[in-house]
Amino acid sequence: MGVVYWKLNPNDYENNEELKKFRETRGYNYMDLLDLCPEKVQNYEQKLKNFCTEHIHQDEEIHYCLEGSGYFDVRDKDDRWIRIWIKAGDLIILPARIYHRFTLDTSNYVKDEEIHYCLEGSGYFDVRDKDDRWIRIWIKAGDLIILPARIYHRFTLDTNNYVKLMRLFMGELVWTPYNRSHEEHPARKEYIKSLTTKTAMPLAAH
């Protein structure tokens, strides 16, 4: 069928050398994260329905499960369904144009990062730190920035007054902003809680 599988350590994926080597070898330059559960996804039922509808992609599809679990169903050469159970640490590659679908299992949760790649021009992303202060990040052509889910942020052009950004998504476009204040939103509460376990928010320069 052409399905490829790897087992990796999901606990420190940001610094995992094996994952880094894997991405470099296969040319995977971009990454996105998806928390797929009712509390974190807008129109959750519809999105899950879309994932569970049999479909194909023009290019191969890569999923690395960091938390939770679920099922990928793929068609074999005789058009029969083969079910693949994935859980934390499993990385699966589905070949281009294979019929497949995805659904959660009884755990009802899986975690598969807003990503902006500046192609032309320049501008500023402002983000709030853990003390609610603004930090300004200047991006220009060639810069790729990943904003963690649930962080307050804003974007503005600089004096060049022009920017061309690539925005990366998984699945269909879902881009619902929650303007301040949404401190009681479950996702926002989770982000604030995550800050208590970190001394700082890393800004990696490459």
N, C-alpha and C. Protein backbone atom coordinates (compact mmCIF):
# COMPACT_ATOMS: atom_id res chain seq x y z
N MET A 1 0.82 -1.21 0.00
CA MET A 1 0.00 0.00 0.00
C MET A 1 0.85 1.26 0.00
N GLY A 2 2.10 1.13 0.44
CA GLY A 2 2.98 2.28 0.44
C GLY A 2 2.94 3.11 1.70
N VAL A 3 2.23 2.65 2.74
CA VAL A 3 2.18 3.37 4.01
C VAL A 3 3.49 3.15 4.76
N VAL A 4 4.07 4.25 5.28
CA VAL A 4 5.35 4.18 5.98
C VAL A 4 5.14 4.56 7.44
N TYR A 5 5.84 3.86 8.34
CA TYR A 5 5.66 4.07 9.77
C TYR A 5 7.00 4.21 10.49
N TRP A 6 7.06 5.17 11.43
CA TRP A 6 8.20 5.32 12.32
C TRP A 6 7.70 5.43 13.75
N LYS A 7 8.53 5.01 14.70
CA LYS A 7 8.25 5.20 16.12
C LYS A 7 9.30 6.16 16.67
N LEU A 8 8.85 7.32 17.21
CA LEU A 8 9.74 8.33 17.74
C LEU A 8 9.35 8.68 19.17
N ASN A 9 10.22 9.42 19.85
CA ASN A 9 9.93 9.87 21.22
C ASN A 9 9.16 11.19 21.15
N PRO A 10 7.89 11.22 21.58
CA PRO A 10 7.09 12.44 21.45
C PRO A 10 7.28 13.44 22.58
N ASN A 11 8.05 13.10 23.60
CA ASN A 11 8.13 13.95 24.79
C ASN A 11 8.97 15.20 24.58
N ASP A 12 9.89 15.18 23.62
CA ASP A 12 10.75 16.34 23.37
C ASP A 12 10.92 16.52 21.87
N TYR A 13 9.78 16.61 21.16
CA TYR A 13 9.83 16.61 19.70
C TYR A 13 10.56 17.83 19.14
N GLU A 14 10.55 18.96 19.88
CA GLU A 14 11.19 20.17 19.38
C GLU A 14 12.70 20.02 19.28
N ASN A 15 13.28 19.12 20.10
CA ASN A 15 14.73 18.93 20.11
C ASN A 15 15.13 17.52 19.67
N ASN A 16 14.20 16.79 19.11
CA ASN A 16 14.46 15.40 18.74
C ASN A 16 15.33 15.33 17.49
N GLU A 17 16.56 14.86 17.64
CA GLU A 17 17.50 14.80 16.53
C GLU A 17 17.05 13.80 15.47
N GLU A 18 16.42 12.72 15.89
CA GLU A 18 15.94 11.72 14.94
C GLU A 18 14.85 12.31 14.05
N LEU A 19 13.94 13.08 14.66
CA LEU A 19 12.89 13.74 13.88
C LEU A 19 13.48 14.79 12.95
N LYS A 20 14.47 15.54 13.45
CA LYS A 20 15.13 16.56 12.63
C LYS A 20 15.78 15.93 11.41
N LYS A 21 16.49 14.83 11.62
CA LYS A 21 17.16 14.14 10.51
C LYS A 21 16.14 13.60 9.52
N PHE A 22 15.04 13.06 10.06
CA PHE A 22 13.97 12.53 9.21
C PHE A 22 13.39 13.62 8.32
N ARG A 23 13.11 14.80 8.89
CA ARG A 23 12.54 15.90 8.12
C ARG A 23 13.51 16.40 7.05
N GLU A 24 14.80 16.49 7.42
CA GLU A 24 15.80 16.97 6.46
C GLU A 24 15.96 15.99 5.31
N THR A 25 15.97 14.70 5.63
CA THR A 25 16.16 13.68 4.60
C THR A 25 15.03 13.68 3.59
N ARG A 26 13.79 13.85 4.07
CA ARG A 26 12.64 13.80 3.18
C ARG A 26 12.19 15.18 2.69
N GLY A 27 12.87 16.24 3.16
CA GLY A 27 12.57 17.57 2.67
C GLY A 27 11.31 18.18 3.24
N TYR A 28 10.93 17.81 4.47
CA TYR A 28 9.74 18.39 5.10
C TYR A 28 10.13 19.68 5.81
N ASN A 29 9.84 20.81 5.17
CA ASN A 29 10.29 22.10 5.68
C ASN A 29 9.31 22.75 6.65
N TYR A 30 8.04 22.36 6.59
CA TYR A 30 7.01 23.06 7.36
C TYR A 30 6.32 22.12 8.34
N MET A 31 5.86 22.71 9.43
CA MET A 31 5.20 21.93 10.47
C MET A 31 3.99 22.69 10.98
N ASP A 32 2.96 21.97 11.34
CA ASP A 32 1.78 22.55 11.94
C ASP A 32 1.32 21.62 13.05
N LEU A 33 0.65 22.16 14.05
CA LEU A 33 0.12 21.35 15.14
C LEU A 33 -1.39 21.50 15.20
N LEU A 34 -2.06 20.41 15.47
CA LEU A 34 -3.51 20.41 15.59
C LEU A 34 -3.91 19.69 16.86
N ASP A 35 -4.59 20.41 17.76
CA ASP A 35 -5.20 19.79 18.93
C ASP A 35 -6.62 19.42 18.56
N LEU A 36 -6.88 18.17 18.32
CA LEU A 36 -8.20 17.75 17.84
C LEU A 36 -9.01 17.18 19.00
N CYS A 37 -9.80 18.05 19.61
CA CYS A 37 -10.71 17.65 20.67
C CYS A 37 -11.80 18.71 20.76
N PRO A 38 -12.96 18.40 21.32
CA PRO A 38 -14.10 19.33 21.32
C PRO A 38 -13.79 20.67 21.96
N GLU A 39 -12.93 20.69 22.99
CA GLU A 39 -12.66 21.93 23.72
C GLU A 39 -11.75 22.88 22.95
N LYS A 40 -11.07 22.41 21.92
CA LYS A 40 -10.02 23.22 21.30
C LYS A 40 -10.24 23.50 19.81
N VAL A 41 -11.25 22.92 19.22
CA VAL A 41 -11.46 23.08 17.78
C VAL A 41 -12.83 23.68 17.51
N GLN A 42 -12.85 24.80 16.78
CA GLN A 42 -14.11 25.38 16.34
C GLN A 42 -14.79 24.44 15.35
N ASN A 43 -16.11 24.34 15.43
CA ASN A 43 -16.86 23.46 14.53
C ASN A 43 -16.30 22.04 14.57
N TYR A 44 -16.06 21.59 15.79
CA TYR A 44 -15.39 20.30 15.99
C TYR A 44 -16.09 19.15 15.27
N GLU A 45 -17.40 19.05 15.43
CA GLU A 45 -18.12 17.93 14.85
C GLU A 45 -18.01 17.92 13.33
N GLN A 46 -18.09 19.12 12.71
CA GLN A 46 -17.99 19.20 11.25
C GLN A 46 -16.59 18.86 10.78
N LYS A 47 -15.57 19.35 11.52
CA LYS A 47 -14.20 19.05 11.12
C LYS A 47 -13.91 17.56 11.22
N LEU A 48 -14.37 16.95 12.31
CA LEU A 48 -14.15 15.51 12.46
C LEU A 48 -14.88 14.74 11.37
N LYS A 49 -16.06 15.23 11.00
CA LYS A 49 -16.81 14.60 9.91
C LYS A 49 -16.04 14.69 8.61
N ASN A 50 -15.41 15.85 8.36
CA ASN A 50 -14.60 16.02 7.14
C ASN A 50 -13.43 15.05 7.13
N PHE A 51 -12.76 14.92 8.28
CA PHE A 51 -11.63 14.01 8.37
C PHE A 51 -12.06 12.57 8.13
N CYS A 52 -13.28 12.26 8.59
CA CYS A 52 -13.76 10.88 8.54
C CYS A 52 -14.39 10.53 7.19
N THR A 53 -14.54 11.52 6.32
CA THR A 53 -15.06 11.26 4.98
C THR A 53 -13.91 10.79 4.08
N GLU A 54 -14.12 9.70 3.41
CA GLU A 54 -13.08 9.11 2.56
C GLU A 54 -12.60 10.12 1.52
N HIS A 55 -11.28 10.28 1.40
CA HIS A 55 -10.73 11.28 0.49
C HIS A 55 -9.30 10.92 0.11
N ILE A 56 -8.75 11.67 -0.83
CA ILE A 56 -7.36 11.52 -1.25
C ILE A 56 -6.70 12.89 -1.28
N HIS A 57 -5.36 12.89 -1.34
CA HIS A 57 -4.59 14.12 -1.50
C HIS A 57 -3.63 13.95 -2.68
N GLN A 58 -3.29 15.07 -3.30
CA GLN A 58 -2.36 15.03 -4.42
C GLN A 58 -0.95 14.67 -3.97
N ASP A 59 -0.59 15.09 -2.74
CA ASP A 59 0.74 14.82 -2.21
C ASP A 59 0.64 13.86 -1.03
N GLU A 60 1.78 13.30 -0.65
CA GLU A 60 1.77 12.41 0.51
C GLU A 60 1.42 13.19 1.76
N GLU A 61 0.86 12.51 2.74
CA GLU A 61 0.37 13.15 3.97
C GLU A 61 1.12 12.57 5.15
N ILE A 62 1.66 13.46 6.00
CA ILE A 62 2.48 13.04 7.13
C ILE A 62 1.82 13.46 8.43
N HIS A 63 1.70 12.54 9.36
CA HIS A 63 1.14 12.84 10.68
C HIS A 63 2.04 12.23 11.75
N TYR A 64 2.37 13.05 12.74
CA TYR A 64 3.16 12.60 13.88
C TYR A 64 2.32 12.83 15.13
N CYS A 65 1.92 11.78 15.78
CA CYS A 65 1.03 11.87 16.94
C CYS A 65 1.84 12.18 18.19
N LEU A 66 1.57 13.34 18.80
CA LEU A 66 2.29 13.76 20.00
C LEU A 66 1.56 13.36 21.27
N GLU A 67 0.24 13.39 21.22
CA GLU A 67 -0.57 13.01 22.38
C GLU A 67 -1.85 12.37 21.87
N GLY A 68 -2.51 11.58 22.72
CA GLY A 68 -3.78 11.00 22.35
C GLY A 68 -3.64 9.83 21.40
N SER A 69 -4.72 9.53 20.68
CA SER A 69 -4.72 8.39 19.77
C SER A 69 -5.91 8.48 18.83
N GLY A 70 -5.87 7.70 17.78
CA GLY A 70 -6.95 7.69 16.80
C GLY A 70 -6.69 6.66 15.72
N TYR A 71 -7.57 6.63 14.71
CA TYR A 71 -7.47 5.62 13.65
C TYR A 71 -7.35 6.27 12.27
N PHE A 72 -6.39 5.79 11.49
CA PHE A 72 -6.37 6.06 10.06
C PHE A 72 -6.84 4.79 9.36
N ASP A 73 -7.85 4.93 8.51
CA ASP A 73 -8.31 3.83 7.67
C ASP A 73 -7.82 4.08 6.25
N VAL A 74 -7.20 3.08 5.64
CA VAL A 74 -6.70 3.21 4.27
C VAL A 74 -7.23 2.05 3.43
N ARG A 75 -7.37 2.28 2.14
CA ARG A 75 -7.84 1.24 1.22
C ARG A 75 -6.65 0.43 0.70
N ASP A 76 -6.78 -0.89 0.68
CA ASP A 76 -5.72 -1.70 0.08
C ASP A 76 -5.99 -1.85 -1.42
N LYS A 77 -5.17 -2.63 -2.11
CA LYS A 77 -5.29 -2.75 -3.57
C LYS A 77 -6.58 -3.43 -3.99
N ASP A 78 -7.22 -4.15 -3.05
CA ASP A 78 -8.50 -4.79 -3.35
C ASP A 78 -9.68 -3.96 -2.85
N ASP A 79 -9.41 -2.70 -2.50
CA ASP A 79 -10.43 -1.74 -2.07
C ASP A 79 -11.03 -2.08 -0.71
N ARG A 80 -10.30 -2.86 0.09
CA ARG A 80 -10.75 -3.17 1.44
C ARG A 80 -10.12 -2.19 2.43
N TRP A 81 -10.86 -1.89 3.51
CA TRP A 81 -10.34 -0.98 4.52
C TRP A 81 -9.33 -1.69 5.41
N ILE A 82 -8.20 -1.02 5.66
CA ILE A 82 -7.21 -1.46 6.64
C ILE A 82 -7.15 -0.39 7.72
N ARG A 83 -7.36 -0.77 8.97
CA ARG A 83 -7.37 0.21 10.07
C ARG A 83 -6.00 0.24 10.76
N ILE A 84 -5.48 1.47 10.93
CA ILE A 84 -4.18 1.67 11.58
C ILE A 84 -4.41 2.52 12.83
N TRP A 85 -4.12 1.96 13.98
CA TRP A 85 -4.28 2.69 15.25
C TRP A 85 -3.00 3.44 15.55
N ILE A 86 -3.08 4.77 15.69
CA ILE A 86 -1.90 5.56 16.03
C ILE A 86 -2.04 6.13 17.43
N LYS A 87 -0.92 6.22 18.11
CA LYS A 87 -0.89 6.78 19.46
C LYS A 87 0.40 7.58 19.61
N ALA A 88 0.60 8.16 20.78
CA ALA A 88 1.74 9.06 21.00
C ALA A 88 3.05 8.40 20.59
N GLY A 89 3.81 9.10 19.74
CA GLY A 89 5.10 8.59 19.28
C GLY A 89 5.05 7.99 17.89
N ASP A 90 3.84 7.74 17.37
CA ASP A 90 3.71 7.13 16.04
C ASP A 90 3.75 8.21 14.96
N LEU A 91 4.58 7.99 13.95
CA LEU A 91 4.63 8.85 12.77
C LEU A 91 4.24 8.01 11.57
N ILE A 92 3.27 8.50 10.81
CA ILE A 92 2.75 7.73 9.69
C ILE A 92 2.76 8.60 8.43
N ILE A 93 3.16 8.00 7.32
CA ILE A 93 3.15 8.67 6.02
C ILE A 93 2.20 7.92 5.10
N LEU A 94 1.18 8.63 4.63
CA LEU A 94 0.24 8.06 3.67
C LEU A 94 0.65 8.49 2.27
N PRO A 95 0.81 7.55 1.36
CA PRO A 95 1.23 7.93 0.01
C PRO A 95 0.19 8.80 -0.69
N ALA A 96 0.64 9.60 -1.62
CA ALA A 96 -0.27 10.45 -2.39
C ALA A 96 -1.32 9.60 -3.10
N ARG A 97 -2.54 10.12 -3.11
CA ARG A 97 -3.66 9.55 -3.87
C ARG A 97 -4.19 8.24 -3.32
N ILE A 98 -3.84 7.87 -2.08
CA ILE A 98 -4.45 6.70 -1.47
C ILE A 98 -5.74 7.13 -0.77
N TYR A 99 -6.81 6.38 -0.95
CA TYR A 99 -8.05 6.70 -0.25
C TYR A 99 -7.87 6.42 1.24
N HIS A 100 -8.30 7.38 2.06
CA HIS A 100 -8.13 7.24 3.50
C HIS A 100 -9.13 8.10 4.24
N ARG A 101 -9.19 7.91 5.54
CA ARG A 101 -10.02 8.71 6.43
C ARG A 101 -9.43 8.62 7.83
N PHE A 102 -9.84 9.55 8.70
CA PHE A 102 -9.32 9.56 10.07
C PHE A 102 -10.45 9.78 11.05
N THR A 103 -10.37 9.10 12.18
CA THR A 103 -11.33 9.32 13.25
C THR A 103 -10.65 9.10 14.58
N LEU A 104 -11.17 9.73 15.63
CA LEU A 104 -10.64 9.51 16.97
C LEU A 104 -11.13 8.18 17.51
N ASP A 105 -10.39 7.66 18.47
CA ASP A 105 -10.88 6.46 19.15
C ASP A 105 -11.62 6.89 20.41
N THR A 106 -11.80 5.98 21.34
CA THR A 106 -12.61 6.29 22.52
C THR A 106 -11.97 7.31 23.44
N SER A 107 -10.67 7.59 23.28
CA SER A 107 -10.03 8.62 24.10
C SER A 107 -10.49 10.01 23.69
N ASN A 108 -10.99 10.15 22.43
CA ASN A 108 -11.60 11.39 21.93
C ASN A 108 -10.65 12.58 21.95
N TYR A 109 -9.35 12.35 21.79
CA TYR A 109 -8.38 13.45 21.78
C TYR A 109 -7.14 13.04 21.01
N VAL A 110 -6.63 13.97 20.21
CA VAL A 110 -5.34 13.76 19.56
C VAL A 110 -4.71 15.13 19.33
N LYS A 111 -3.39 15.19 19.39
CA LYS A 111 -2.68 16.45 19.16
C LYS A 111 -1.73 16.29 17.99
N ASP A 112 -1.99 16.77 16.91
CA ASP A 112 -1.10 16.68 15.74
C ASP A 112 -0.01 17.74 15.75
N GLU A 113 1.26 23.81 14.95
CA GLU A 113 1.51 25.08 15.61
C GLU A 113 0.85 26.06 14.70
N GLU A 114 -0.27 28.89 14.81
CA GLU A 114 -0.43 29.75 13.64
C GLU A 114 0.98 29.87 13.03
N ILE A 115 1.19 29.47 11.77
CA ILE A 115 2.49 29.52 11.12
C ILE A 115 2.45 30.54 9.99
N HIS A 116 3.44 31.45 9.98
CA HIS A 116 3.53 32.46 8.94
C HIS A 116 4.93 32.43 8.34
N TYR A 117 4.98 32.41 7.01
CA TYR A 117 6.26 32.43 6.30
C TYR A 117 6.26 33.67 5.42
N CYS A 118 7.19 34.59 5.69
CA CYS A 118 7.25 35.85 4.96
C CYS A 118 7.98 35.67 3.64
N LEU A 119 7.26 35.86 2.54
CA LEU A 119 7.84 35.69 1.21
C LEU A 119 8.42 36.99 0.66
N GLU A 120 7.74 38.10 0.94
CA GLU A 120 8.19 39.41 0.47
C GLU A 120 7.80 40.45 1.51
N GLY A 121 8.51 41.59 1.50
CA GLY A 121 8.16 42.69 2.39
C GLY A 121 8.58 42.42 3.83
N SER A 122 7.90 43.09 4.77
CA SER A 122 8.26 42.97 6.18
C SER A 122 7.14 43.53 7.04
N GLY A 123 7.22 43.24 8.33
CA GLY A 123 6.21 43.72 9.26
C GLY A 123 6.52 43.28 10.67
N TYR A 124 5.58 43.55 11.58
CA TYR A 124 5.81 43.26 12.99
C TYR A 124 4.73 42.34 13.55
N PHE A 125 5.15 41.30 14.25
CA PHE A 125 4.26 40.53 15.10
C PHE A 125 4.52 40.96 16.54
N ASP A 126 3.48 41.38 17.25
CA ASP A 126 3.58 41.69 18.67
C ASP A 126 2.91 40.56 19.44
N VAL A 127 3.60 40.05 20.46
CA VAL A 127 3.05 38.97 21.28
C VAL A 127 3.16 39.37 22.75
N ARG A 128 2.24 38.86 23.56
CA ARG A 128 2.24 39.12 24.99
C ARG A 128 3.13 38.10 25.70
N ASP A 129 3.97 38.58 26.65
CA ASP A 129 4.75 37.64 27.44
C ASP A 129 3.95 37.23 28.67
N LYS A 130 4.55 36.43 29.55
CA LYS A 130 3.82 35.90 30.69
C LYS A 130 3.41 36.99 31.68
N ASP A 131 4.07 38.17 31.61
CA ASP A 131 3.71 39.30 32.47
C ASP A 131 2.81 40.30 31.75
N ASP A 132 2.25 39.88 30.61
CA ASP A 132 1.30 40.66 29.83
C ASP A 132 1.93 41.88 29.17
N ARG A 133 3.25 41.84 28.95
CA ARG A 133 3.94 42.92 28.24
C ARG A 133 4.07 42.56 26.78
N TRP A 134 4.03 43.58 25.91
CA TRP A 134 4.20 43.34 24.48
C TRP A 134 5.67 43.12 24.14
N ILE A 135 5.92 42.12 23.30
CA ILE A 135 7.25 41.89 22.73
C ILE A 135 7.10 41.98 21.21
N ARG A 136 7.92 42.83 20.59
CA ARG A 136 7.81 43.05 19.13
C ARG A 136 8.84 42.21 18.38
N ILE A 137 8.35 41.50 17.36
CA ILE A 137 9.21 40.66 16.53
C ILE A 137 9.12 41.17 15.09
N TRP A 138 10.25 41.59 14.55
CA TRP A 138 10.28 42.10 13.17
C TRP A 138 10.57 40.94 12.23
N ILE A 139 9.69 40.72 11.27
CA ILE A 139 9.91 39.67 10.30
C ILE A 139 10.10 40.27 8.92
N LYS A 140 10.92 39.61 8.12
CA LYS A 140 11.20 40.05 6.76
C LYS A 140 11.30 38.83 5.87
N ALA A 141 11.52 39.04 4.58
CA ALA A 141 11.52 37.95 3.61
C ALA A 141 12.46 36.82 4.05
N GLY A 142 11.92 35.61 4.06
CA GLY A 142 12.70 34.44 4.46
C GLY A 142 12.46 34.00 5.89
N ASP A 143 11.78 34.84 6.69
CA ASP A 143 11.52 34.50 8.09
C ASP A 143 10.26 33.65 8.19
N LEU A 144 10.33 32.59 8.99
CA LEU A 144 9.17 31.76 9.31
C LEU A 144 8.96 31.83 10.81
N ILE A 145 7.74 32.14 11.22
CA ILE A 145 7.44 32.30 12.63
C ILE A 145 6.27 31.41 13.01
N ILE A 146 6.39 30.76 14.16
CA ILE A 146 5.33 29.90 14.68
C ILE A 146 4.84 30.49 15.99
N LEU A 147 3.56 30.86 16.04
CA LEU A 147 2.97 31.41 17.25
C LEU A 147 2.21 30.30 17.96
N PRO A 148 2.48 30.08 19.24
CA PRO A 148 1.76 29.01 19.94
C PRO A 148 0.28 29.32 20.04
N ALA A 149 -0.52 28.28 20.06
CA ALA A 149 -1.96 28.46 20.20
C ALA A 149 -2.26 29.20 21.50
N ARG A 150 -3.27 30.06 21.44
CA ARG A 150 -3.83 30.72 22.61
C ARG A 150 -3.01 31.89 23.12
N ILE A 151 -1.96 32.32 22.39
CA ILE A 151 -1.20 33.49 22.81
C ILE A 151 -1.83 34.73 22.17
N TYR A 152 -1.99 35.81 22.95
CA TYR A 152 -2.49 37.07 22.39
C TYR A 152 -1.42 37.67 21.49
N HIS A 153 -1.82 38.11 20.30
CA HIS A 153 -0.87 38.67 19.36
C HIS A 153 -1.57 39.61 18.39
N ARG A 154 -0.77 40.35 17.64
CA ARG A 154 -1.29 41.25 16.61
C ARG A 154 -0.21 41.43 15.56
N PHE A 155 -0.62 41.90 14.39
CA PHE A 155 0.33 42.10 13.30
C PHE A 155 0.11 43.47 12.67
N THR A 156 1.21 44.13 12.31
CA THR A 156 1.12 45.40 11.60
C THR A 156 2.28 45.52 10.63
N LEU A 157 2.07 46.26 9.55
CA LEU A 157 3.15 46.51 8.60
C LEU A 157 4.14 47.51 9.18
N ASP A 158 5.37 47.48 8.68
CA ASP A 158 6.33 48.51 9.07
C ASP A 158 6.30 49.63 8.02
N THR A 159 7.33 50.45 7.96
CA THR A 159 7.31 51.61 7.07
C THR A 159 7.33 51.24 5.59
N ASN A 160 7.67 49.98 5.27
CA ASN A 160 7.63 49.55 3.87
C ASN A 160 6.20 49.39 3.36
N ASN A 161 5.27 49.21 4.31
CA ASN A 161 3.84 49.16 3.99
C ASN A 161 3.48 48.04 3.01
N TYR A 162 4.20 46.91 3.09
CA TYR A 162 3.89 45.78 2.21
C TYR A 162 4.44 44.50 2.81
N VAL A 163 3.64 43.43 2.70
CA VAL A 163 4.13 42.11 3.08
C VAL A 163 3.33 41.06 2.32
N LYS A 164 3.98 39.97 1.99
CA LYS A 164 3.33 38.82 1.38
C LYS A 164 3.64 37.62 2.26
N LEU A 165 2.59 37.09 2.92
CA LEU A 165 2.76 36.01 3.88
C LEU A 165 2.13 34.72 3.38
N MET A 166 2.79 33.62 3.65
CA MET A 166 2.19 32.30 3.45
C MET A 166 1.68 31.82 4.81
N ARG A 167 0.41 31.44 4.88
CA ARG A 167 -0.15 30.89 6.10
C ARG A 167 -0.39 29.40 5.89
N LEU A 168 0.02 28.60 6.86
CA LEU A 168 -0.06 27.15 6.71
C LEU A 168 -1.17 26.59 7.59
N PHE A 169 -1.94 25.69 7.02
CA PHE A 169 -3.07 25.08 7.72
C PHE A 169 -3.05 23.58 7.50
N MET A 170 -3.78 22.89 8.35
CA MET A 170 -4.03 21.47 8.16
C MET A 170 -5.51 21.30 7.88
N GLY A 171 -5.86 20.64 6.78
CA GLY A 171 -7.26 20.50 6.43
C GLY A 171 -7.80 21.79 5.86
N GLU A 172 -9.10 22.03 6.03
CA GLU A 172 -9.74 23.22 5.51
C GLU A 172 -9.39 24.44 6.35
N LEU A 173 -9.54 25.63 5.76
CA LEU A 173 -9.21 26.87 6.43
C LEU A 173 -10.19 27.14 7.58
N VAL A 174 -9.66 27.19 8.79
CA VAL A 174 -10.44 27.62 9.95
C VAL A 174 -9.60 28.67 10.66
N TRP A 175 -10.04 29.93 10.62
CA TRP A 175 -9.22 31.03 11.13
C TRP A 175 -10.13 31.98 11.89
N THR A 176 -10.56 31.57 13.08
CA THR A 176 -11.48 32.37 13.87
C THR A 176 -10.71 33.09 14.97
N PRO A 177 -10.55 34.43 14.87
CA PRO A 177 -9.84 35.15 15.92
C PRO A 177 -10.76 35.44 17.11
N TYR A 178 -10.20 35.38 18.30
CA TYR A 178 -10.91 35.76 19.52
C TYR A 178 -10.26 37.02 20.06
N ASN A 179 -10.93 38.17 19.86
CA ASN A 179 -10.36 39.42 20.32
C ASN A 179 -10.36 39.49 21.84
N ARG A 180 -9.42 40.22 22.36
CA ARG A 180 -9.34 40.39 23.80
C ARG A 180 -10.56 41.14 24.31
N SER A 181 -11.25 40.72 25.41
CA SER A 181 -10.74 39.70 26.32
C SER A 181 -11.55 38.41 26.20
N HIS A 182 -10.82 37.31 26.19
CA HIS A 182 -11.42 35.99 26.25
C HIS A 182 -10.67 35.16 27.30
N GLU A 183 -10.45 35.78 28.46
CA GLU A 183 -9.68 35.11 29.50
C GLU A 183 -10.37 33.86 30.03
N GLU A 184 -11.70 33.78 29.86
CA GLU A 184 -12.43 32.63 30.38
C GLU A 184 -12.55 31.52 29.35
N HIS A 185 -12.04 31.75 28.14
CA HIS A 185 -12.09 30.71 27.12
C HIS A 185 -11.22 29.54 27.57
N PRO A 186 -11.73 28.29 27.48
CA PRO A 186 -10.95 27.13 27.94
C PRO A 186 -9.55 27.05 27.34
N ALA A 187 -9.44 27.38 26.05
CA ALA A 187 -8.13 27.31 25.40
C ALA A 187 -7.18 28.35 25.98
N ARG A 188 -7.70 29.55 26.27
CA ARG A 188 -6.86 30.60 26.85
C ARG A 188 -6.40 30.21 28.25
N LYS A 189 -7.29 29.63 29.02
CA LYS A 189 -6.93 29.18 30.37
C LYS A 189 -5.80 28.15 30.31
N GLU A 190 -5.88 27.27 29.33
CA GLU A 190 -4.84 26.24 29.21
C GLU A 190 -3.49 26.86 28.87
N TYR A 191 -3.51 27.89 28.01
CA TYR A 191 -2.25 28.55 27.65
C TYR A 191 -1.64 29.23 28.88
N ILE A 192 -2.46 29.95 29.65
CA ILE A 192 -1.97 30.62 30.85
C ILE A 192 -1.39 29.60 31.82
N LYS A 193 -2.06 28.47 31.95
CA LYS A 193 -1.57 27.42 32.83
C LYS A 193 -0.22 26.90 32.37
N SER A 194 -0.04 26.80 31.05
CA SER A 194 1.22 26.27 30.51
C SER A 194 2.39 27.18 30.83
N LEU A 195 2.12 28.48 31.00
CA LEU A 195 3.20 29.42 31.29
C LEU A 195 3.80 29.20 32.67
N THR A 196 3.01 28.63 33.58
CA THR A 196 3.51 28.42 34.94
C THR A 196 4.54 27.30 35.00
N THR A 197 4.62 26.51 33.94
CA THR A 197 5.59 25.42 33.92
C THR A 197 6.83 25.77 33.13
N LYS A 198 6.89 27.00 32.60
CA LYS A 198 8.04 27.43 31.81
C LYS A 198 8.57 28.74 32.37
N THR A 199 9.86 28.89 32.37
CA THR A 199 10.47 30.12 32.87
C THR A 199 10.46 31.22 31.83
N ALA A 200 10.38 30.84 30.55
CA ALA A 200 10.38 31.83 29.48
C ALA A 200 9.80 31.22 28.24
N MET A 201 9.40 32.07 27.31
CA MET A 201 8.90 31.61 26.02
C MET A 201 10.04 31.66 25.02
N PRO A 202 10.50 30.52 24.53
CA PRO A 202 11.67 30.51 23.65
C PRO A 202 11.38 31.14 22.30
N LEU A 203 12.31 31.95 21.83
CA LEU A 203 12.26 32.50 20.48
C LEU A 203 13.51 32.00 19.77
N ALA A 204 13.33 31.00 18.93
CA ALA A 204 14.47 30.38 18.27
C ALA A 204 14.83 31.14 17.00
N ALA A 205 16.11 31.42 16.81
CA ALA A 205 16.59 32.10 15.61
C ALA A 205 17.37 31.10 14.78
N HIS A 206 17.09 31.07 13.48
CA HIS A 206 17.77 30.13 12.58
C HIS A 206 18.40 30.90 11.43
